[in-house]
Amino acid sequence: PKPAAALAAAELAGLADDLLAGAPADLLDELVRALPWLEPAAPPPAGGERAGPVIGLDRSADAIVRDGADPGDVGQGAVADCYLAAALIGLARQDPALLAERLRRNPNGTVTITFHPGLRAPVGVTVTATLPASGGRGAVAQEIAMDGDNAAGQPELWPALYEKAYARLHGGYPAIGFGSASVALATLTGRPAHRRAARATSVVDLAVLLGRGEVVVLATRSRTRPGGLVAAHAYPALAVDAARGRVLLRNPWDPAPGTDNIRWYAWSQVVADVHAVVHGPTR
């Protein structure tokens, strides 16, 4: 397309976001029917077709941020976007205020989240608080993507809405599987993210990065040692004990009740499983 056509398309997309953010609440469903791409393409149901159809679970009455953004609020679902979940956990650890600042609840119940795709000017992406869920056959509906509850089981939607807006930005939930932690982190913060080889990174280096407020995410190799870190996965680093040579990692999967997926690892034992260390400032 000609440059003018691309610019016009971007302006129309921005207009649609403004309409979604400002429309009366009772017209939202009609607006989404008229412009279906305002709802990102849904992920396939967890557990396959036997889990039932994908439905929209209206969570507009629930809290978006409850007592501040916390790393424990994030629980990756069936979408293969551990890199995004890890970046969100790292941001909640290092700069929770940033996550709240980039999120605005509109009077009609929609939420607008500010991203910086390609480190360009900020872009507001508006989404409804309807989350994709498996309807099952007479079973209680359950979110397919990021969990809509915090570690205490209370409704807290900010991680799921960040994921939904990121999916809308990229063309749907199926399009954000197996992405880049560095791209996600830069898109969330608007600041450059860097990659360094794990074998060239010491536990002291990790401590320095966390100490100066950077988010640190470990991207694992496609094959890892038995009993080591999960392969082709992303782990945010929450803390470092340089004296003992260990790092505190969180697996971003939604933890089972009573667990938190947080564990100390000796860096010398897991560094062989790590392909790259992704890091970057929050502001």
C-alpha atoms as a PDB file:
ATOM      1  CA  PRO A   1       0.000   0.000   0.000  1.00  0.00           C
ATOM      2  CA  LYS A   2       1.005   3.612  -0.484  1.00  0.00           C
ATOM      3  CA  PRO A   3       2.289   5.463   2.609  1.00  0.00           C
ATOM      4  CA  ALA A   4      -0.856   7.595   2.694  1.00  0.00           C
ATOM      5  CA  ALA A   5      -3.018   4.456   2.809  1.00  0.00           C
ATOM      6  CA  ALA A   6      -0.995   3.019   5.686  1.00  0.00           C
ATOM      7  CA  LEU A   7      -1.322   6.306   7.604  1.00  0.00           C
ATOM      8  CA  ALA A   8      -5.071   6.359   6.979  1.00  0.00           C
ATOM      9  CA  ALA A   9      -5.375   2.777   8.254  1.00  0.00           C
ATOM     10  CA  ALA A  10      -3.496   3.689  11.442  1.00  0.00           C
ATOM     11  CA  GLU A  11      -5.736   6.704  11.982  1.00  0.00           C
ATOM     12  CA  LEU A  12      -8.850   4.582  11.472  1.00  0.00           C
ATOM     13  CA  ALA A  13      -7.561   2.031  13.987  1.00  0.00           C
ATOM     14  CA  GLY A  14      -7.024   4.836  16.488  1.00  0.00           C
ATOM     15  CA  LEU A  15     -10.528   6.131  15.839  1.00  0.00           C
ATOM     16  CA  ALA A  16     -11.948   2.679  16.513  1.00  0.00           C
ATOM     17  CA  ASP A  17     -10.083   2.580  19.833  1.00  0.00           C
ATOM     18  CA  ASP A  18     -11.522   5.975  20.732  1.00  0.00           C
ATOM     19  CA  LEU A  19     -15.008   4.724  19.865  1.00  0.00           C
ATOM     20  CA  LEU A  20     -14.546   1.615  22.012  1.00  0.00           C
ATOM     21  CA  ALA A  21     -13.232   3.686  24.926  1.00  0.00           C
ATOM     22  CA  GLY A  22     -16.020   6.274  24.739  1.00  0.00           C
ATOM     23  CA  ALA A  23     -19.108   4.400  23.581  1.00  0.00           C
ATOM     24  CA  PRO A  24     -22.021   3.990  25.991  1.00  0.00           C
ATOM     25  CA  ALA A  25     -21.757   0.695  27.823  1.00  0.00           C
ATOM     26  CA  ASP A  26     -25.002  -0.616  26.313  1.00  0.00           C
ATOM     27  CA  LEU A  27     -23.601  -0.125  22.790  1.00  0.00           C
ATOM     28  CA  LEU A  28     -20.310  -1.986  23.286  1.00  0.00           C
ATOM     29  CA  ASP A  29     -21.626  -5.327  22.058  1.00  0.00           C
ATOM     30  CA  GLU A  30     -23.066  -3.681  18.946  1.00  0.00           C
ATOM     31  CA  LEU A  31     -19.785  -1.872  18.273  1.00  0.00           C
ATOM     32  CA  VAL A  32     -17.782  -5.094  18.561  1.00  0.00           C
ATOM     33  CA  ARG A  33     -20.202  -6.853  16.217  1.00  0.00           C
ATOM     34  CA  ALA A  34     -19.698  -4.051  13.683  1.00  0.00           C
ATOM     35  CA  LEU A  35     -15.898  -4.075  14.118  1.00  0.00           C
ATOM     36  CA  PRO A  36     -15.109  -7.649  15.216  1.00  0.00           C
ATOM     37  CA  TRP A  37     -11.339  -7.103  15.155  1.00  0.00           C
ATOM     38  CA  LEU A  38     -11.745  -4.968  18.294  1.00  0.00           C
ATOM     39  CA  GLU A  39     -11.897  -8.317  20.096  1.00  0.00           C
ATOM     40  CA  PRO A  40      -8.634 -10.227  19.455  1.00  0.00           C
ATOM     41  CA  ALA A  41      -8.920 -13.650  17.845  1.00  0.00           C
ATOM     42  CA  ALA A  42      -9.543 -16.119  20.671  1.00  0.00           C
ATOM     43  CA  PRO A  43      -7.117 -18.854  21.710  1.00  0.00           C
ATOM     44  CA  PRO A  44      -8.179 -22.460  21.125  1.00  0.00           C
ATOM     45  CA  PRO A  45      -9.920 -24.009  24.132  1.00  0.00           C
ATOM     46  CA  ALA A  46      -7.608 -25.515  26.714  1.00  0.00           C
ATOM     47  CA  GLY A  47      -7.902 -29.280  26.537  1.00  0.00           C
ATOM     48  CA  GLY A  48      -9.079 -29.301  22.919  1.00  0.00           C
ATOM     49  CA  GLU A  49     -12.585 -29.404  21.559  1.00  0.00           C
ATOM     50  CA  ARG A  50     -13.774 -31.642  24.391  1.00  0.00           C
ATOM     51  CA  ALA A  51     -13.384 -28.653  26.707  1.00  0.00           C
ATOM     52  CA  GLY A  52     -16.324 -26.989  24.958  1.00  0.00           C
ATOM     53  CA  PRO A  53     -16.584 -23.813  22.895  1.00  0.00           C
ATOM     54  CA  VAL A  54     -14.669 -20.632  23.630  1.00  0.00           C
ATOM     55  CA  ILE A  55     -17.008 -18.124  25.228  1.00  0.00           C
ATOM     56  CA  GLY A  56     -16.599 -14.568  26.440  1.00  0.00           C
ATOM     57  CA  LEU A  57     -16.558 -14.265  30.237  1.00  0.00           C
ATOM     58  CA  ASP A  58     -17.681 -10.786  31.308  1.00  0.00           C
ATOM     59  CA  ARG A  59     -15.395  -9.612  34.138  1.00  0.00           C
ATOM     60  CA  SER A  60     -16.255  -5.900  33.924  1.00  0.00           C
ATOM     61  CA  ALA A  61     -17.504  -5.831  37.528  1.00  0.00           C
ATOM     62  CA  ASP A  62     -14.191  -7.097  38.918  1.00  0.00           C
ATOM     63  CA  ALA A  63     -11.212  -5.146  40.233  1.00  0.00           C
ATOM     64  CA  ILE A  64      -8.489  -4.345  37.722  1.00  0.00           C
ATOM     65  CA  VAL A  65      -5.712  -3.574  40.209  1.00  0.00           C
ATOM     66  CA  ARG A  66      -6.168  -4.551  43.848  1.00  0.00           C
ATOM     67  CA  ASP A  67      -3.640  -3.180  46.366  1.00  0.00           C
ATOM     68  CA  GLY A  68      -1.090  -2.555  43.626  1.00  0.00           C
ATOM     69  CA  ALA A  69       0.379  -4.800  40.942  1.00  0.00           C
ATOM     70  CA  ASP A  70       2.205  -7.775  42.456  1.00  0.00           C
ATOM     71  CA  PRO A  71       4.265 -10.547  40.800  1.00  0.00           C
ATOM     72  CA  GLY A  72       1.920 -13.123  42.312  1.00  0.00           C
ATOM     73  CA  ASP A  73      -0.995 -11.675  40.357  1.00  0.00           C
ATOM     74  CA  VAL A  74       0.333 -13.134  37.083  1.00  0.00           C
ATOM     75  CA  GLY A  75      -0.573 -16.667  36.053  1.00  0.00           C
ATOM     76  CA  GLN A  76       0.091 -17.832  32.492  1.00  0.00           C
ATOM     77  CA  GLY A  77      -2.738 -19.839  30.984  1.00  0.00           C
ATOM     78  CA  ALA A  78      -2.923 -21.991  27.873  1.00  0.00           C
ATOM     79  CA  VAL A  79      -1.463 -19.332  25.550  1.00  0.00           C
ATOM     80  CA  ALA A  80       2.262 -19.934  24.911  1.00  0.00           C
ATOM     81  CA  ASP A  81       3.275 -16.426  25.929  1.00  0.00           C
ATOM     82  CA  CYS A  82       5.510 -17.171  28.901  1.00  0.00           C
ATOM     83  CA  TYR A  83       7.833 -14.418  27.643  1.00  0.00           C
ATOM     84  CA  LEU A  84       5.062 -11.814  28.132  1.00  0.00           C
ATOM     85  CA  ALA A  85       4.029 -13.236  31.513  1.00  0.00           C
ATOM     86  CA  ALA A  86       7.678 -13.184  32.633  1.00  0.00           C
ATOM     87  CA  ALA A  87       8.060  -9.548  31.538  1.00  0.00           C
ATOM     88  CA  LEU A  88       4.896  -8.595  33.443  1.00  0.00           C
ATOM     89  CA  ILE A  89       6.114 -10.412  36.563  1.00  0.00           C
ATOM     90  CA  GLY A  90       9.486  -8.662  36.307  1.00  0.00           C
ATOM     91  CA  LEU A  91       7.818  -5.271  35.949  1.00  0.00           C
ATOM     92  CA  ALA A  92       5.517  -5.978  38.905  1.00  0.00           C
ATOM     93  CA  ARG A  93       8.652  -6.791  40.916  1.00  0.00           C
ATOM     94  CA  GLN A  94      10.724  -3.793  39.835  1.00  0.00           C
ATOM     95  CA  ASP A  95       8.236  -1.034  39.008  1.00  0.00           C
ATOM     96  CA  PRO A  96       4.613  -1.902  39.829  1.00  0.00           C
ATOM     97  CA  ALA A  97       3.569   1.747  39.572  1.00  0.00           C
ATOM     98  CA  LEU A  98       4.442   1.745  35.858  1.00  0.00           C
ATOM     99  CA  LEU A  99       1.920  -1.024  35.154  1.00  0.00           C
ATOM    100  CA  ALA A 100      -0.828   0.945  36.888  1.00  0.00           C
ATOM    101  CA  GLU A 101       0.141   4.203  35.156  1.00  0.00           C
ATOM    102  CA  ARG A 102      -0.101   2.646  31.685  1.00  0.00           C
ATOM    103  CA  LEU A 103      -3.615   1.329  32.364  1.00  0.00           C
ATOM    104  CA  ARG A 104      -6.778   3.454  32.320  1.00  0.00           C
ATOM    105  CA  ARG A 105     -10.267   2.252  33.132  1.00  0.00           C
ATOM    106  CA  ASN A 106     -12.841   4.036  31.001  1.00  0.00           C
ATOM    107  CA  PRO A 107     -16.339   5.002  32.232  1.00  0.00           C
ATOM    108  CA  ASN A 108     -17.963   2.329  30.040  1.00  0.00           C
ATOM    109  CA  GLY A 109     -15.920  -0.478  31.655  1.00  0.00           C
ATOM    110  CA  THR A 110     -13.332  -0.847  28.891  1.00  0.00           C
ATOM    111  CA  VAL A 111      -9.633  -0.481  29.627  1.00  0.00           C
ATOM    112  CA  THR A 112      -7.015   1.385  27.599  1.00  0.00           C
ATOM    113  CA  ILE A 113      -3.388   0.237  27.940  1.00  0.00           C
ATOM    114  CA  THR A 114      -0.445   2.201  26.600  1.00  0.00           C
ATOM    115  CA  PHE A 115       2.235   0.323  24.660  1.00  0.00           C
ATOM    116  CA  HIS A 116       5.337   1.381  22.744  1.00  0.00           C
ATOM    117  CA  PRO A 117       5.498  -1.027  19.774  1.00  0.00           C
ATOM    118  CA  GLY A 118       8.863  -0.869  18.071  1.00  0.00           C
ATOM    119  CA  LEU A 119       9.960   1.751  20.629  1.00  0.00           C
ATOM    120  CA  ARG A 120       7.833   4.241  18.721  1.00  0.00           C
ATOM    121  CA  ALA A 121       5.400   6.826  20.087  1.00  0.00           C
ATOM    122  CA  PRO A 122       2.926   5.504  22.676  1.00  0.00           C
ATOM    123  CA  VAL A 123      -0.127   3.678  21.339  1.00  0.00           C
ATOM    124  CA  GLY A 124      -3.291   3.218  23.354  1.00  0.00           C
ATOM    125  CA  VAL A 125      -4.977  -0.154  22.875  1.00  0.00           C
ATOM    126  CA  THR A 126      -8.507  -0.437  24.241  1.00  0.00           C
ATOM    127  CA  VAL A 127     -10.097  -3.746  25.214  1.00  0.00           C
ATOM    128  CA  THR A 128     -13.237  -4.874  26.938  1.00  0.00           C
ATOM    129  CA  ALA A 129     -13.084  -6.770  30.221  1.00  0.00           C
ATOM    130  CA  THR A 130     -14.517  -9.872  28.548  1.00  0.00           C
ATOM    131  CA  LEU A 131     -11.992 -12.713  28.756  1.00  0.00           C
ATOM    132  CA  PRO A 132     -11.910 -15.854  26.597  1.00  0.00           C
ATOM    133  CA  ALA A 133     -12.973 -18.914  28.550  1.00  0.00           C
ATOM    134  CA  SER A 134     -13.896 -22.561  28.063  1.00  0.00           C
ATOM    135  CA  GLY A 135     -17.591 -23.018  28.585  1.00  0.00           C
ATOM    136  CA  GLY A 136     -17.448 -26.761  29.112  1.00  0.00           C
ATOM    137  CA  ARG A 137     -20.628 -28.831  29.239  1.00  0.00           C
ATOM    138  CA  GLY A 138     -22.418 -27.572  32.304  1.00  0.00           C
ATOM    139  CA  ALA A 139     -19.104 -26.760  33.972  1.00  0.00           C
ATOM    140  CA  VAL A 140     -18.085 -23.415  35.440  1.00  0.00           C
ATOM    141  CA  ALA A 141     -16.428 -21.223  32.806  1.00  0.00           C
ATOM    142  CA  GLN A 142     -12.653 -20.888  33.227  1.00  0.00           C
ATOM    143  CA  GLU A 143     -10.300 -18.414  31.563  1.00  0.00           C
ATOM    144  CA  ILE A 144      -8.144 -19.954  28.839  1.00  0.00           C
ATOM    145  CA  ALA A 145      -5.472 -17.276  28.813  1.00  0.00           C
ATOM    146  CA  MET A 146      -3.995 -15.467  31.825  1.00  0.00           C
ATOM    147  CA  ASP A 147      -5.835 -15.979  35.071  1.00  0.00           C
ATOM    148  CA  GLY A 148      -8.249 -13.255  36.160  1.00  0.00           C
ATOM    149  CA  ASP A 149      -7.540 -13.828  39.868  1.00  0.00           C
ATOM    150  CA  ASN A 150      -4.546 -13.020  42.042  1.00  0.00           C
ATOM    151  CA  ALA A 151      -2.542 -15.393  44.237  1.00  0.00           C
ATOM    152  CA  ALA A 152      -5.160 -15.130  46.996  1.00  0.00           C
ATOM    153  CA  GLY A 153      -7.931 -16.130  44.586  1.00  0.00           C
ATOM    154  CA  GLN A 154      -9.426 -12.626  44.475  1.00  0.00           C
ATOM    155  CA  PRO A 155     -10.490 -11.056  41.164  1.00  0.00           C
ATOM    156  CA  GLU A 156      -7.655  -8.921  39.765  1.00  0.00           C
ATOM    157  CA  LEU A 157      -7.664  -8.424  36.026  1.00  0.00           C
ATOM    158  CA  TRP A 158      -4.622  -6.354  35.102  1.00  0.00           C
ATOM    159  CA  PRO A 159      -2.420  -9.251  33.840  1.00  0.00           C
ATOM    160  CA  ALA A 160      -5.243 -10.716  31.735  1.00  0.00           C
ATOM    161  CA  LEU A 161      -6.081  -7.306  30.279  1.00  0.00           C
ATOM    162  CA  TYR A 162      -2.436  -6.538  29.472  1.00  0.00           C
ATOM    163  CA  GLU A 163      -2.299  -9.873  27.658  1.00  0.00           C
ATOM    164  CA  LYS A 164      -5.560  -9.201  25.812  1.00  0.00           C
ATOM    165  CA  ALA A 165      -4.375  -5.759  24.677  1.00  0.00           C
ATOM    166  CA  TYR A 166      -1.010  -7.219  23.598  1.00  0.00           C
ATOM    167  CA  ALA A 167      -2.901  -9.874  21.632  1.00  0.00           C
ATOM    168  CA  ARG A 168      -5.064  -7.225  19.971  1.00  0.00           C
ATOM    169  CA  LEU A 169      -1.951  -5.260  19.067  1.00  0.00           C
ATOM    170  CA  HIS A 170      -0.492  -8.317  17.297  1.00  0.00           C
ATOM    171  CA  GLY A 171      -3.610  -9.731  15.640  1.00  0.00           C
ATOM    172  CA  GLY A 172      -5.044 -12.140  18.214  1.00  0.00           C
ATOM    173  CA  TYR A 173      -4.083 -14.626  20.917  1.00  0.00           C
ATOM    174  CA  PRO A 174      -2.794 -17.265  18.452  1.00  0.00           C
ATOM    175  CA  ALA A 175      -0.358 -14.674  17.079  1.00  0.00           C
ATOM    176  CA  ILE A 176       1.425 -14.058  20.390  1.00  0.00           C
ATOM    177  CA  GLY A 177       2.550 -17.619  21.090  1.00  0.00           C
ATOM    178  CA  PHE A 178       6.309 -18.200  21.288  1.00  0.00           C
ATOM    179  CA  GLY A 179       7.371 -14.560  21.098  1.00  0.00           C
ATOM    180  CA  SER A 180      10.342 -12.529  22.256  1.00  0.00           C
ATOM    181  CA  ALA A 181      10.883 -11.409  25.838  1.00  0.00           C
ATOM    182  CA  SER A 182      13.022  -8.487  24.680  1.00  0.00           C
ATOM    183  CA  VAL A 183      10.316  -7.261  22.278  1.00  0.00           C
ATOM    184  CA  ALA A 184       7.622  -7.648  24.941  1.00  0.00           C
ATOM    185  CA  LEU A 185       9.664  -5.803  27.557  1.00  0.00           C
ATOM    186  CA  ALA A 186      10.465  -2.921  25.201  1.00  0.00           C
ATOM    187  CA  THR A 187       6.819  -2.713  24.110  1.00  0.00           C
ATOM    188  CA  LEU A 188       5.701  -2.499  27.736  1.00  0.00           C
ATOM    189  CA  THR A 189       8.265   0.047  28.894  1.00  0.00           C
ATOM    190  CA  GLY A 190       9.188   2.065  25.812  1.00  0.00           C
ATOM    191  CA  ARG A 191      12.847   1.568  26.706  1.00  0.00           C
ATOM    192  CA  PRO A 192      15.391  -0.622  24.872  1.00  0.00           C
ATOM    193  CA  ALA A 193      15.756  -4.199  26.114  1.00  0.00           C
ATOM    194  CA  HIS A 194      19.050  -6.054  25.805  1.00  0.00           C
ATOM    195  CA  ARG A 195      20.114  -9.685  25.432  1.00  0.00           C
ATOM    196  CA  ARG A 196      23.329 -11.211  26.699  1.00  0.00           C
ATOM    197  CA  ALA A 197      24.619 -14.747  26.610  1.00  0.00           C
ATOM    198  CA  ALA A 198      23.929 -16.639  29.813  1.00  0.00           C
ATOM    199  CA  ARG A 199      27.396 -18.221  29.902  1.00  0.00           C
ATOM    200  CA  ALA A 200      28.925 -14.722  29.809  1.00  0.00           C
ATOM    201  CA  THR A 201      26.781 -13.604  32.751  1.00  0.00           C
ATOM    202  CA  SER A 202      27.753 -14.172  36.370  1.00  0.00           C
ATOM    203  CA  VAL A 203      25.494 -14.204  39.390  1.00  0.00           C
ATOM    204  CA  VAL A 204      27.089 -10.893  40.382  1.00  0.00           C
ATOM    205  CA  ASP A 205      26.067  -9.464  36.995  1.00  0.00           C
ATOM    206  CA  LEU A 206      22.480 -10.531  37.672  1.00  0.00           C
ATOM    207  CA  ALA A 207      22.601  -8.864  41.084  1.00  0.00           C
ATOM    208  CA  VAL A 208      23.853  -5.630  39.538  1.00  0.00           C
ATOM    209  CA  LEU A 209      21.069  -5.601  36.932  1.00  0.00           C
ATOM    210  CA  LEU A 210      18.346  -6.153  39.517  1.00  0.00           C
ATOM    211  CA  GLY A 211      20.005  -3.719  41.905  1.00  0.00           C
ATOM    212  CA  ARG A 212      19.742  -0.862  39.435  1.00  0.00           C
ATOM    213  CA  GLY A 213      16.057  -1.548  38.902  1.00  0.00           C
ATOM    214  CA  GLU A 214      16.126  -3.459  35.630  1.00  0.00           C
ATOM    215  CA  VAL A 215      13.781  -6.295  34.728  1.00  0.00           C
ATOM    216  CA  VAL A 216      15.665  -9.564  34.200  1.00  0.00           C
ATOM    217  CA  VAL A 217      14.175 -12.509  32.289  1.00  0.00           C
ATOM    218  CA  LEU A 218      15.962 -15.784  31.588  1.00  0.00           C
ATOM    219  CA  ALA A 219      15.125 -17.457  28.265  1.00  0.00           C
ATOM    220  CA  THR A 220      15.857 -21.184  28.342  1.00  0.00           C
ATOM    221  CA  ARG A 221      17.177 -23.395  25.551  1.00  0.00           C
ATOM    222  CA  SER A 222      15.018 -25.604  23.358  1.00  0.00           C
ATOM    223  CA  ARG A 223      16.478 -28.579  25.237  1.00  0.00           C
ATOM    224  CA  THR A 224      17.391 -28.538  28.905  1.00  0.00           C
ATOM    225  CA  ARG A 225      18.821 -31.028  31.384  1.00  0.00           C
ATOM    226  CA  PRO A 226      16.500 -33.545  33.058  1.00  0.00           C
ATOM    227  CA  GLY A 227      15.375 -32.004  36.315  1.00  0.00           C
ATOM    228  CA  GLY A 228      16.521 -28.551  35.217  1.00  0.00           C
ATOM    229  CA  LEU A 229      14.548 -25.568  33.979  1.00  0.00           C
ATOM    230  CA  VAL A 230      11.637 -26.050  31.575  1.00  0.00           C
ATOM    231  CA  ALA A 231      12.790 -25.966  27.952  1.00  0.00           C
ATOM    232  CA  ALA A 232      11.800 -23.116  25.598  1.00  0.00           C
ATOM    233  CA  HIS A 233      10.466 -21.151  28.535  1.00  0.00           C
ATOM    234  CA  ALA A 234      10.997 -17.798  30.250  1.00  0.00           C
ATOM    235  CA  TYR A 235      11.669 -17.165  33.927  1.00  0.00           C
ATOM    236  CA  PRO A 236      11.765 -13.742  35.577  1.00  0.00           C
ATOM    237  CA  ALA A 237      14.499 -13.258  38.176  1.00  0.00           C
ATOM    238  CA  LEU A 238      13.063 -11.867  41.419  1.00  0.00           C
ATOM    239  CA  ALA A 239      16.187 -11.716  43.590  1.00  0.00           C
ATOM    240  CA  VAL A 240      19.838 -12.739  43.697  1.00  0.00           C
ATOM    241  CA  ASP A 241      21.914 -14.050  46.598  1.00  0.00           C
ATOM    242  CA  ALA A 242      25.377 -13.329  45.235  1.00  0.00           C
ATOM    243  CA  ALA A 243      27.131 -14.604  48.370  1.00  0.00           C
ATOM    244  CA  ARG A 244      25.613 -18.059  47.873  1.00  0.00           C
ATOM    245  CA  GLY A 245      25.659 -17.907  44.074  1.00  0.00           C
ATOM    246  CA  ARG A 246      21.947 -18.389  43.649  1.00  0.00           C
ATOM    247  CA  VAL A 247      19.014 -16.702  41.926  1.00  0.00           C
ATOM    248  CA  LEU A 248      15.318 -16.642  42.826  1.00  0.00           C
ATOM    249  CA  LEU A 249      13.195 -17.549  39.795  1.00  0.00           C
ATOM    250  CA  ARG A 250       9.453 -17.649  39.216  1.00  0.00           C
ATOM    251  CA  ASN A 251       7.898 -20.028  36.712  1.00  0.00           C
ATOM    252  CA  PRO A 252       5.128 -17.866  35.176  1.00  0.00           C
ATOM    253  CA  TRP A 253       2.652 -20.742  34.860  1.00  0.00           C
ATOM    254  CA  ASP A 254      -0.495 -20.224  36.881  1.00  0.00           C
ATOM    255  CA  PRO A 255       0.428 -21.930  40.165  1.00  0.00           C
ATOM    256  CA  ALA A 256      -1.651 -24.645  41.739  1.00  0.00           C
ATOM    257  CA  PRO A 257      -3.533 -23.658  44.916  1.00  0.00           C
ATOM    258  CA  GLY A 258      -1.175 -23.317  47.855  1.00  0.00           C
ATOM    259  CA  THR A 259       1.952 -22.975  45.663  1.00  0.00           C
ATOM    260  CA  ASP A 260       3.762 -19.990  44.156  1.00  0.00           C
ATOM    261  CA  ASN A 261       6.165 -21.482  41.550  1.00  0.00           C
ATOM    262  CA  ILE A 262       9.041 -19.557  43.159  1.00  0.00           C
ATOM    263  CA  ARG A 263      12.336 -21.317  43.870  1.00  0.00           C
ATOM    264  CA  TRP A 264      15.995 -20.572  44.556  1.00  0.00           C
ATOM    265  CA  TYR A 265      18.424 -22.064  42.034  1.00  0.00           C
ATOM    266  CA  ALA A 266      22.198 -22.264  42.114  1.00  0.00           C
ATOM    267  CA  TRP A 267      23.273 -20.235  39.075  1.00  0.00           C
ATOM    268  CA  SER A 268      26.115 -22.644  38.343  1.00  0.00           C
ATOM    269  CA  GLN A 269      23.587 -25.491  38.026  1.00  0.00           C
ATOM    270  CA  VAL A 270      21.010 -23.777  35.797  1.00  0.00           C
ATOM    271  CA  VAL A 271      23.175 -21.539  33.599  1.00  0.00           C
ATOM    272  CA  ALA A 272      23.599 -24.400  31.099  1.00  0.00           C
ATOM    273  CA  ASP A 273      19.818 -24.434  30.607  1.00  0.00           C
ATOM    274  CA  VAL A 274      19.651 -20.697  29.882  1.00  0.00           C
ATOM    275  CA  HIS A 275      20.158 -19.431  26.354  1.00  0.00           C
ATOM    276  CA  ALA A 276      19.973 -15.678  27.001  1.00  0.00           C
ATOM    277  CA  VAL A 277      19.512 -13.118  29.736  1.00  0.00           C
ATOM    278  CA  VAL A 278      17.054 -10.427  28.676  1.00  0.00           C
ATOM    279  CA  HIS A 279      17.152  -7.213  30.678  1.00  0.00           C
ATOM    280  CA  GLY A 280      16.115  -3.606  30.464  1.00  0.00           C
ATOM    281  CA  PRO A 281      15.155  -0.524  32.473  1.00  0.00           C
ATOM    282  CA  THR A 282      11.557   0.267  33.260  1.00  0.00           C
ATOM    283  CA  ARG A 283      11.727   4.029  32.586  1.00  0.00           C
END
